[in-house]
């Protein structure tokens, strides 16, 4: 009896999966609205004749910020689908590039995605740099984090 209850407890993961997937959809929808509003704003500004060089830089920063949010939403979706496949139904069809056999695969996907998000974060700061902030220290700190995460991935790959 206890063994059966414990075996069925894996389905509690569905609560986490639903929460993660809902958060992913909410992020995707929210950022899509932000992107549309930004494009409308740029079109309105350009059509009124108020074109200036800083507008292109502001648009570039907005696009990079949107990419950042979309990446986070996609990572959340990958985590949700991976948890579902690991704990509920291993037959869930996933794209060929998304290989999830165990929790380590899920962690590796998360770490790889965090590296991408941190890279986009630095790119956003670099494009929006106004000369006032210390971009070198910020970039150095991110480089250390990215280096440590990359070292983790390389060490895990050698171990496997």
N, C-alpha and C. Protein backbone atom coordinates (compact mmCIF):
# COMPACT_ATOMS: atom_id res chain seq x y z
N UNK A 1 0.82 -1.20 0.00
CA UNK A 1 0.00 0.00 0.00
C UNK A 1 0.86 1.26 0.00
N UNK A 2 1.84 1.31 0.93
CA UNK A 2 2.71 2.48 1.02
C UNK A 2 3.53 2.65 -0.25
N UNK A 3 3.98 1.55 -0.81
CA UNK A 3 4.76 1.61 -2.05
C UNK A 3 3.93 2.21 -3.18
N UNK A 4 2.68 1.83 -3.25
CA UNK A 4 1.79 2.36 -4.29
C UNK A 4 1.58 3.86 -4.11
N UNK A 5 1.35 4.28 -2.86
CA UNK A 5 1.15 5.71 -2.57
C UNK A 5 2.42 6.49 -2.95
N UNK A 6 3.57 5.97 -2.57
CA UNK A 6 4.82 6.65 -2.91
C UNK A 6 5.04 6.71 -4.42
N UNK A 7 4.71 5.63 -5.11
CA UNK A 7 4.85 5.62 -6.56
C UNK A 7 3.93 6.65 -7.22
N UNK A 8 2.74 6.80 -6.68
CA UNK A 8 1.79 7.78 -7.24
C UNK A 8 2.16 9.22 -6.89
N UNK A 9 2.99 9.39 -5.86
CA UNK A 9 3.34 10.75 -5.44
C UNK A 9 4.13 11.50 -6.51
N UNK A 10 4.69 10.78 -7.47
CA UNK A 10 5.41 11.46 -8.54
C UNK A 10 4.48 12.38 -9.34
N UNK A 11 3.19 12.09 -9.30
CA UNK A 11 2.23 12.92 -10.04
C UNK A 11 2.04 14.29 -9.40
N UNK A 12 2.53 14.48 -8.18
CA UNK A 12 2.48 15.82 -7.57
C UNK A 12 3.33 16.80 -8.38
N UNK A 13 4.27 16.27 -9.14
CA UNK A 13 5.12 17.11 -9.98
C UNK A 13 4.28 17.87 -11.00
N UNK A 14 3.11 17.35 -11.33
CA UNK A 14 2.23 18.01 -12.29
C UNK A 14 1.89 19.43 -11.82
N UNK A 15 1.78 19.63 -10.51
CA UNK A 15 1.50 20.97 -9.98
C UNK A 15 2.62 21.93 -10.39
N UNK A 16 3.87 21.49 -10.21
CA UNK A 16 5.01 22.32 -10.61
C UNK A 16 5.03 22.54 -12.12
N UNK A 17 4.75 21.49 -12.87
CA UNK A 17 4.75 21.58 -14.33
C UNK A 17 3.72 22.60 -14.80
N UNK A 18 2.52 22.52 -14.26
CA UNK A 18 1.46 23.46 -14.66
C UNK A 18 1.86 24.88 -14.29
N UNK A 19 2.39 25.07 -13.09
CA UNK A 19 2.82 26.41 -12.68
C UNK A 19 3.91 26.97 -13.57
N UNK A 20 4.89 26.15 -13.89
CA UNK A 20 6.00 26.59 -14.75
C UNK A 20 5.50 26.91 -16.16
N UNK A 21 4.64 26.05 -16.71
CA UNK A 21 4.13 26.30 -18.06
C UNK A 21 3.23 27.52 -18.11
N UNK A 22 2.42 27.73 -17.07
CA UNK A 22 1.60 28.95 -17.01
C UNK A 22 2.48 30.20 -16.94
N UNK A 23 3.53 30.14 -16.14
CA UNK A 23 4.46 31.27 -16.06
C UNK A 23 5.12 31.53 -17.40
N UNK A 24 5.48 30.46 -18.10
CA UNK A 24 6.10 30.59 -19.42
C UNK A 24 5.15 31.26 -20.41
N UNK A 25 3.91 30.80 -20.44
CA UNK A 25 2.92 31.39 -21.35
C UNK A 25 2.67 32.85 -20.99
N UNK A 26 2.57 33.14 -19.69
CA UNK A 26 2.34 34.52 -19.26
C UNK A 26 3.50 35.42 -19.69
N UNK A 27 4.73 34.95 -19.52
CA UNK A 27 5.89 35.74 -19.95
C UNK A 27 5.88 35.96 -21.46
N UNK A 28 5.60 34.91 -22.22
CA UNK A 28 5.56 35.04 -23.68
C UNK A 28 4.50 36.04 -24.13
N UNK A 29 3.31 35.93 -23.55
CA UNK A 29 2.22 36.83 -23.94
C UNK A 29 2.53 38.27 -23.52
N UNK A 30 3.02 38.45 -22.30
CA UNK A 30 3.34 39.79 -21.81
C UNK A 30 4.39 40.45 -22.70
N UNK A 31 5.44 39.72 -22.98
CA UNK A 31 6.52 40.32 -23.77
C UNK A 31 6.08 40.55 -25.22
N UNK A 32 5.20 39.72 -25.74
CA UNK A 32 4.66 39.96 -27.09
C UNK A 32 3.90 41.28 -27.12
N UNK A 33 3.12 41.54 -26.07
CA UNK A 33 2.40 42.82 -25.98
C UNK A 33 3.38 43.98 -25.89
N UNK A 34 4.43 43.81 -25.09
CA UNK A 34 5.45 44.86 -24.95
C UNK A 34 6.12 45.14 -26.30
N UNK A 35 6.43 44.09 -27.05
CA UNK A 35 7.08 44.25 -28.35
C UNK A 35 6.15 44.98 -29.32
N UNK A 36 4.88 44.58 -29.37
CA UNK A 36 3.92 45.25 -30.26
C UNK A 36 3.79 46.72 -29.88
N UNK A 37 3.67 47.01 -28.58
CA UNK A 37 3.56 48.40 -28.12
C UNK A 37 4.82 49.18 -28.50
N UNK A 38 5.98 48.55 -28.39
CA UNK A 38 7.22 49.22 -28.75
C UNK A 38 7.30 49.52 -30.24
N UNK A 39 6.87 48.57 -31.06
CA UNK A 39 6.88 48.79 -32.51
C UNK A 39 5.91 49.91 -32.87
N UNK A 40 4.73 49.90 -32.28
CA UNK A 40 3.76 50.97 -32.53
C UNK A 40 4.35 52.32 -32.13
N UNK A 41 5.02 52.37 -31.00
CA UNK A 41 5.64 53.61 -30.54
C UNK A 41 6.71 54.10 -31.51
N UNK A 42 7.54 53.18 -32.00
CA UNK A 42 8.59 53.55 -32.95
C UNK A 42 7.97 54.05 -34.26
N UNK A 43 6.94 53.36 -34.75
CA UNK A 43 6.28 53.77 -35.99
C UNK A 43 5.66 55.15 -35.81
N UNK A 44 4.99 55.38 -34.69
CA UNK A 44 4.39 56.69 -34.43
C UNK A 44 5.45 57.78 -34.35
N UNK A 45 6.54 57.50 -33.67
CA UNK A 45 7.62 58.48 -33.54
C UNK A 45 8.24 58.77 -34.90
N UNK A 46 8.50 57.73 -35.68
CA UNK A 46 9.11 57.91 -36.99
C UNK A 46 8.17 58.63 -37.95
N UNK A 47 6.88 58.33 -37.88
CA UNK A 47 5.93 58.97 -38.79
C UNK A 47 5.70 60.44 -38.45
N UNK A 48 5.99 60.82 -37.21
CA UNK A 48 5.83 62.23 -36.83
C UNK A 48 7.07 63.04 -37.19
N UNK A 49 8.09 62.38 -37.72
CA UNK A 49 9.30 63.08 -38.14
C UNK A 49 10.33 63.25 -37.05
N UNK A 50 10.09 62.67 -35.89
CA UNK A 50 11.03 62.79 -34.77
C UNK A 50 12.07 61.67 -34.80
N UNK A 51 12.84 61.62 -35.84
CA UNK A 51 13.85 60.58 -35.96
C UNK A 51 15.19 61.15 -35.50
N UNK A 52 15.81 60.46 -34.58
CA UNK A 52 17.11 60.89 -34.08
C UNK A 52 17.94 59.64 -33.77
N UNK A 53 19.27 59.76 -33.78
CA UNK A 53 20.13 58.58 -33.63
C UNK A 53 19.89 57.79 -32.34
N UNK A 54 19.54 58.47 -31.28
CA UNK A 54 19.34 57.76 -30.01
C UNK A 54 18.13 56.82 -30.08
N UNK A 55 17.19 57.09 -30.97
CA UNK A 55 16.01 56.24 -31.12
C UNK A 55 16.42 54.83 -31.56
N UNK A 56 17.38 54.74 -32.47
CA UNK A 56 17.84 53.42 -32.93
C UNK A 56 18.48 52.66 -31.79
N UNK A 57 19.25 53.35 -30.96
CA UNK A 57 19.90 52.70 -29.82
C UNK A 57 18.85 52.23 -28.81
N UNK A 58 17.84 53.06 -28.57
CA UNK A 58 16.76 52.68 -27.65
C UNK A 58 16.00 51.47 -28.20
N UNK A 59 15.77 51.44 -29.50
CA UNK A 59 15.08 50.31 -30.13
C UNK A 59 15.92 49.04 -30.01
N UNK A 60 17.23 49.16 -30.22
CA UNK A 60 18.11 48.00 -30.10
C UNK A 60 18.08 47.44 -28.68
N UNK A 61 18.11 48.31 -27.68
CA UNK A 61 18.05 47.86 -26.29
C UNK A 61 16.71 47.18 -26.02
N UNK A 62 15.62 47.73 -26.54
CA UNK A 62 14.30 47.13 -26.33
C UNK A 62 14.22 45.74 -26.97
N UNK A 63 14.80 45.58 -28.14
CA UNK A 63 14.80 44.27 -28.81
C UNK A 63 15.61 43.27 -27.99
N UNK A 64 16.76 43.69 -27.49
CA UNK A 64 17.59 42.79 -26.68
C UNK A 64 16.87 42.41 -25.39
N UNK A 65 16.19 43.37 -24.77
CA UNK A 65 15.42 43.05 -23.56
C UNK A 65 14.31 42.06 -23.86
N UNK A 66 13.67 42.21 -25.02
CA UNK A 66 12.61 41.28 -25.41
C UNK A 66 13.18 39.88 -25.63
N UNK A 67 14.32 39.80 -26.27
CA UNK A 67 14.97 38.50 -26.48
C UNK A 67 15.26 37.85 -25.14
N UNK A 68 15.73 38.65 -24.18
CA UNK A 68 16.04 38.14 -22.84
C UNK A 68 14.80 37.53 -22.19
N UNK A 69 13.68 38.23 -22.23
CA UNK A 69 12.45 37.72 -21.62
C UNK A 69 11.95 36.49 -22.37
N UNK A 70 12.01 36.51 -23.69
CA UNK A 70 11.58 35.35 -24.46
C UNK A 70 12.45 34.13 -24.14
N UNK A 71 13.76 34.35 -24.00
CA UNK A 71 14.66 33.24 -23.63
C UNK A 71 14.26 32.64 -22.28
N UNK A 72 13.99 33.49 -21.32
CA UNK A 72 13.60 33.00 -19.99
C UNK A 72 12.30 32.21 -20.08
N UNK A 73 11.35 32.70 -20.87
CA UNK A 73 10.08 31.99 -21.03
C UNK A 73 10.29 30.63 -21.69
N UNK A 74 11.16 30.58 -22.68
CA UNK A 74 11.43 29.31 -23.36
C UNK A 74 12.14 28.33 -22.43
N UNK A 75 13.06 28.84 -21.61
CA UNK A 75 13.73 27.98 -20.63
C UNK A 75 12.71 27.41 -19.65
N UNK A 76 11.77 28.23 -19.20
CA UNK A 76 10.73 27.75 -18.30
C UNK A 76 9.92 26.65 -18.97
N UNK A 77 9.61 26.83 -20.24
CA UNK A 77 8.86 25.80 -20.97
C UNK A 77 9.67 24.51 -21.06
N UNK A 78 10.96 24.63 -21.34
CA UNK A 78 11.81 23.44 -21.42
C UNK A 78 11.85 22.71 -20.08
N UNK A 79 11.95 23.45 -18.99
CA UNK A 79 11.99 22.85 -17.66
C UNK A 79 10.66 22.16 -17.36
N UNK A 80 9.56 22.82 -17.66
CA UNK A 80 8.24 22.22 -17.42
C UNK A 80 8.05 20.93 -18.20
N UNK A 81 8.38 20.96 -19.48
CA UNK A 81 8.24 19.75 -20.30
C UNK A 81 9.18 18.65 -19.83
N UNK A 82 10.39 19.04 -19.45
CA UNK A 82 11.35 18.05 -18.96
C UNK A 82 10.90 17.39 -17.68
N UNK A 83 10.38 18.18 -16.74
CA UNK A 83 9.87 17.60 -15.49
C UNK A 83 8.71 16.66 -15.76
N UNK A 84 7.83 17.06 -16.68
CA UNK A 84 6.70 16.20 -17.02
C UNK A 84 7.20 14.87 -17.60
N UNK A 85 8.16 14.96 -18.49
CA UNK A 85 8.68 13.74 -19.11
C UNK A 85 9.38 12.84 -18.09
N UNK A 86 10.12 13.45 -17.17
CA UNK A 86 10.86 12.66 -16.19
C UNK A 86 9.96 12.01 -15.14
N UNK A 87 8.93 12.73 -14.69
CA UNK A 87 8.15 12.24 -13.56
C UNK A 87 6.79 11.67 -13.91
N UNK A 88 6.23 12.07 -15.05
CA UNK A 88 4.86 11.67 -15.35
C UNK A 88 4.78 10.72 -16.54
N UNK A 89 5.27 11.16 -17.70
CA UNK A 89 5.12 10.35 -18.91
C UNK A 89 6.39 10.41 -19.76
N UNK A 90 7.23 9.39 -19.69
CA UNK A 90 8.48 9.40 -20.46
C UNK A 90 8.26 9.31 -21.97
N UNK A 91 7.03 9.06 -22.41
CA UNK A 91 6.74 8.97 -23.85
C UNK A 91 6.40 10.32 -24.47
N UNK A 92 6.41 11.39 -23.66
CA UNK A 92 6.10 12.72 -24.18
C UNK A 92 7.05 13.06 -25.32
N UNK A 93 6.51 13.32 -26.52
CA UNK A 93 7.39 13.64 -27.64
C UNK A 93 8.00 15.04 -27.47
N UNK A 94 9.31 15.10 -27.55
CA UNK A 94 10.03 16.36 -27.46
C UNK A 94 10.87 16.53 -28.72
N UNK A 95 11.23 17.76 -29.06
CA UNK A 95 12.10 17.97 -30.22
C UNK A 95 13.41 17.20 -30.05
N UNK A 96 14.01 16.84 -31.16
CA UNK A 96 15.25 16.04 -31.12
C UNK A 96 16.37 16.75 -30.37
N UNK A 97 16.40 18.08 -30.43
CA UNK A 97 17.47 18.83 -29.77
C UNK A 97 17.29 18.89 -28.25
N UNK A 98 16.11 18.58 -27.76
CA UNK A 98 15.84 18.64 -26.32
C UNK A 98 15.88 17.22 -25.75
N UNK A 99 17.08 16.80 -25.39
CA UNK A 99 17.27 15.45 -24.86
C UNK A 99 17.23 15.51 -23.34
N UNK A 100 16.23 14.88 -22.75
CA UNK A 100 16.11 14.86 -21.29
C UNK A 100 15.89 13.42 -20.86
N UNK A 101 16.96 12.83 -20.32
CA UNK A 101 16.88 11.45 -19.83
C UNK A 101 16.84 11.40 -18.31
N UNK A 102 17.39 12.44 -17.66
CA UNK A 102 17.42 12.47 -16.20
C UNK A 102 17.52 13.92 -15.72
N UNK A 103 17.57 14.10 -14.41
CA UNK A 103 17.63 15.46 -13.86
C UNK A 103 18.91 16.18 -14.25
N UNK A 104 19.99 15.44 -14.44
CA UNK A 104 21.24 16.07 -14.89
C UNK A 104 21.07 16.72 -16.26
N UNK A 105 20.37 16.06 -17.16
CA UNK A 105 20.11 16.66 -18.47
C UNK A 105 19.31 17.94 -18.33
N UNK A 106 18.34 17.93 -17.43
CA UNK A 106 17.52 19.12 -17.20
C UNK A 106 18.37 20.24 -16.62
N UNK A 107 19.25 19.91 -15.67
CA UNK A 107 20.15 20.92 -15.09
C UNK A 107 21.10 21.47 -16.14
N UNK A 108 21.62 20.60 -17.00
CA UNK A 108 22.53 21.07 -18.05
C UNK A 108 21.83 22.03 -19.00
N UNK A 109 20.59 21.72 -19.36
CA UNK A 109 19.82 22.64 -20.20
C UNK A 109 19.60 23.97 -19.50
N UNK A 110 19.31 23.92 -18.21
CA UNK A 110 19.10 25.15 -17.44
C UNK A 110 20.38 25.97 -17.38
N UNK A 111 21.50 25.32 -17.08
CA UNK A 111 22.78 26.04 -16.99
C UNK A 111 23.15 26.65 -18.34
N UNK A 112 22.97 25.91 -19.43
CA UNK A 112 23.25 26.45 -20.76
C UNK A 112 22.38 27.66 -21.06
N UNK A 113 21.14 27.59 -20.65
CA UNK A 113 20.22 28.70 -20.88
C UNK A 113 20.58 29.90 -20.02
N UNK A 114 21.02 29.67 -18.79
CA UNK A 114 21.45 30.77 -17.93
C UNK A 114 22.66 31.47 -18.55
N UNK A 115 23.56 30.71 -19.14
CA UNK A 115 24.71 31.31 -19.83
C UNK A 115 24.23 32.22 -20.96
N UNK A 116 23.26 31.76 -21.73
CA UNK A 116 22.71 32.58 -22.82
C UNK A 116 22.04 33.84 -22.28
N UNK A 117 21.27 33.71 -21.21
CA UNK A 117 20.58 34.87 -20.63
C UNK A 117 21.59 35.88 -20.09
N UNK A 118 22.64 35.40 -19.43
CA UNK A 118 23.66 36.32 -18.91
C UNK A 118 24.39 37.03 -20.06
N UNK A 119 24.61 36.31 -21.15
CA UNK A 119 25.25 36.93 -22.31
C UNK A 119 24.37 38.02 -22.90
N UNK A 120 23.08 37.75 -22.99
CA UNK A 120 22.14 38.75 -23.49
C UNK A 120 22.07 39.94 -22.54
N UNK A 121 22.13 39.68 -21.24
CA UNK A 121 22.13 40.75 -20.25
C UNK A 121 23.32 41.69 -20.47
N UNK A 122 24.50 41.12 -20.69
CA UNK A 122 25.67 41.96 -20.94
C UNK A 122 25.51 42.72 -22.25
N UNK A 123 25.02 42.06 -23.28
CA UNK A 123 24.82 42.72 -24.57
C UNK A 123 23.88 43.91 -24.42
N UNK A 124 22.81 43.72 -23.65
CA UNK A 124 21.86 44.81 -23.41
C UNK A 124 22.56 45.99 -22.74
N UNK A 125 23.38 45.71 -21.73
CA UNK A 125 24.09 46.78 -21.03
C UNK A 125 25.11 47.45 -21.95
N UNK A 126 25.78 46.66 -22.78
CA UNK A 126 26.79 47.23 -23.68
C UNK A 126 26.14 48.14 -24.73
N UNK A 127 25.03 47.70 -25.28
CA UNK A 127 24.35 48.51 -26.29
C UNK A 127 23.78 49.79 -25.67
N UNK A 128 23.27 49.68 -24.46
CA UNK A 128 22.68 50.84 -23.79
C UNK A 128 23.67 51.65 -22.97
N UNK A 129 24.96 51.35 -23.09
CA UNK A 129 25.97 52.00 -22.26
C UNK A 129 26.01 53.50 -22.52
N UNK A 130 25.96 54.26 -21.46
CA UNK A 130 25.97 55.71 -21.56
C UNK A 130 27.31 56.32 -21.16
N UNK A 131 28.30 55.50 -20.89
CA UNK A 131 29.61 56.00 -20.50
C UNK A 131 29.75 56.26 -19.01
N UNK A 132 28.66 56.16 -18.29
CA UNK A 132 28.67 56.47 -16.86
C UNK A 132 28.94 55.24 -16.00
N UNK A 133 28.33 54.14 -16.35
CA UNK A 133 28.47 52.92 -15.53
C UNK A 133 29.79 52.22 -15.83
N UNK A 134 30.23 51.42 -14.87
CA UNK A 134 31.48 50.67 -15.03
C UNK A 134 31.17 49.35 -15.74
N UNK A 135 31.18 49.41 -17.05
CA UNK A 135 30.82 48.25 -17.86
C UNK A 135 31.87 47.14 -17.76
N UNK A 136 33.13 47.51 -17.56
CA UNK A 136 34.19 46.52 -17.48
C UNK A 136 34.02 45.61 -16.26
N UNK A 137 33.71 46.18 -15.12
CA UNK A 137 33.51 45.36 -13.91
C UNK A 137 32.27 44.48 -14.05
N UNK A 138 31.22 45.05 -14.59
CA UNK A 138 29.99 44.28 -14.80
C UNK A 138 30.26 43.11 -15.74
N UNK A 139 30.93 43.40 -16.85
CA UNK A 139 31.27 42.35 -17.81
C UNK A 139 32.20 41.31 -17.22
N UNK A 140 33.15 41.77 -16.41
CA UNK A 140 34.07 40.84 -15.75
C UNK A 140 33.36 39.91 -14.80
N UNK A 141 32.43 40.46 -14.03
CA UNK A 141 31.66 39.63 -13.09
C UNK A 141 30.83 38.59 -13.85
N UNK A 142 30.19 39.03 -14.93
CA UNK A 142 29.42 38.08 -15.73
C UNK A 142 30.32 37.04 -16.38
N UNK A 143 31.50 37.46 -16.82
CA UNK A 143 32.44 36.52 -17.43
C UNK A 143 32.87 35.45 -16.43
N UNK A 144 33.08 35.84 -15.18
CA UNK A 144 33.44 34.86 -14.15
C UNK A 144 32.31 33.85 -13.94
N UNK A 145 31.09 34.35 -13.88
CA UNK A 145 29.94 33.46 -13.68
C UNK A 145 29.78 32.53 -14.88
N UNK A 146 29.86 33.10 -16.08
CA UNK A 146 29.72 32.29 -17.29
C UNK A 146 30.85 31.27 -17.37
N UNK A 147 32.07 31.68 -17.01
CA UNK A 147 33.20 30.76 -17.01
C UNK A 147 33.00 29.61 -16.04
N UNK A 148 32.50 29.92 -14.84
CA UNK A 148 32.26 28.87 -13.84
C UNK A 148 31.17 27.90 -14.32
N UNK A 149 30.11 28.45 -14.90
CA UNK A 149 29.04 27.58 -15.40
C UNK A 149 29.51 26.72 -16.57
N UNK A 150 30.33 27.30 -17.43
CA UNK A 150 30.89 26.53 -18.55
C UNK A 150 31.80 25.43 -18.05
N UNK A 151 32.62 25.74 -17.05
CA UNK A 151 33.49 24.74 -16.45
C UNK A 151 32.67 23.60 -15.85
N UNK A 152 31.55 23.94 -15.22
CA UNK A 152 30.63 22.93 -14.67
C UNK A 152 30.14 22.01 -15.79
N UNK A 153 29.71 22.60 -16.90
CA UNK A 153 29.21 21.79 -18.02
C UNK A 153 30.30 20.90 -18.61
N UNK A 154 31.50 21.44 -18.76
CA UNK A 154 32.60 20.65 -19.32
C UNK A 154 32.96 19.50 -18.38
N UNK A 155 33.01 19.78 -17.08
CA UNK A 155 33.34 18.74 -16.10
C UNK A 155 32.28 17.64 -16.10
N UNK A 156 31.01 18.03 -16.20
CA UNK A 156 29.93 17.03 -16.24
C UNK A 156 30.01 16.20 -17.50
N UNK A 157 30.37 16.84 -18.62
CA UNK A 157 30.47 16.11 -19.89
C UNK A 157 31.61 15.10 -19.84
N UNK A 158 32.72 15.48 -19.25
CA UNK A 158 33.85 14.54 -19.14
C UNK A 158 33.51 13.39 -18.22
N UNK A 159 32.74 13.68 -17.18
CA UNK A 159 32.35 12.64 -16.22
C UNK A 159 31.46 11.60 -16.89
N UNK A 160 30.59 12.06 -17.77
CA UNK A 160 29.66 11.16 -18.46
C UNK A 160 30.39 10.47 -19.56
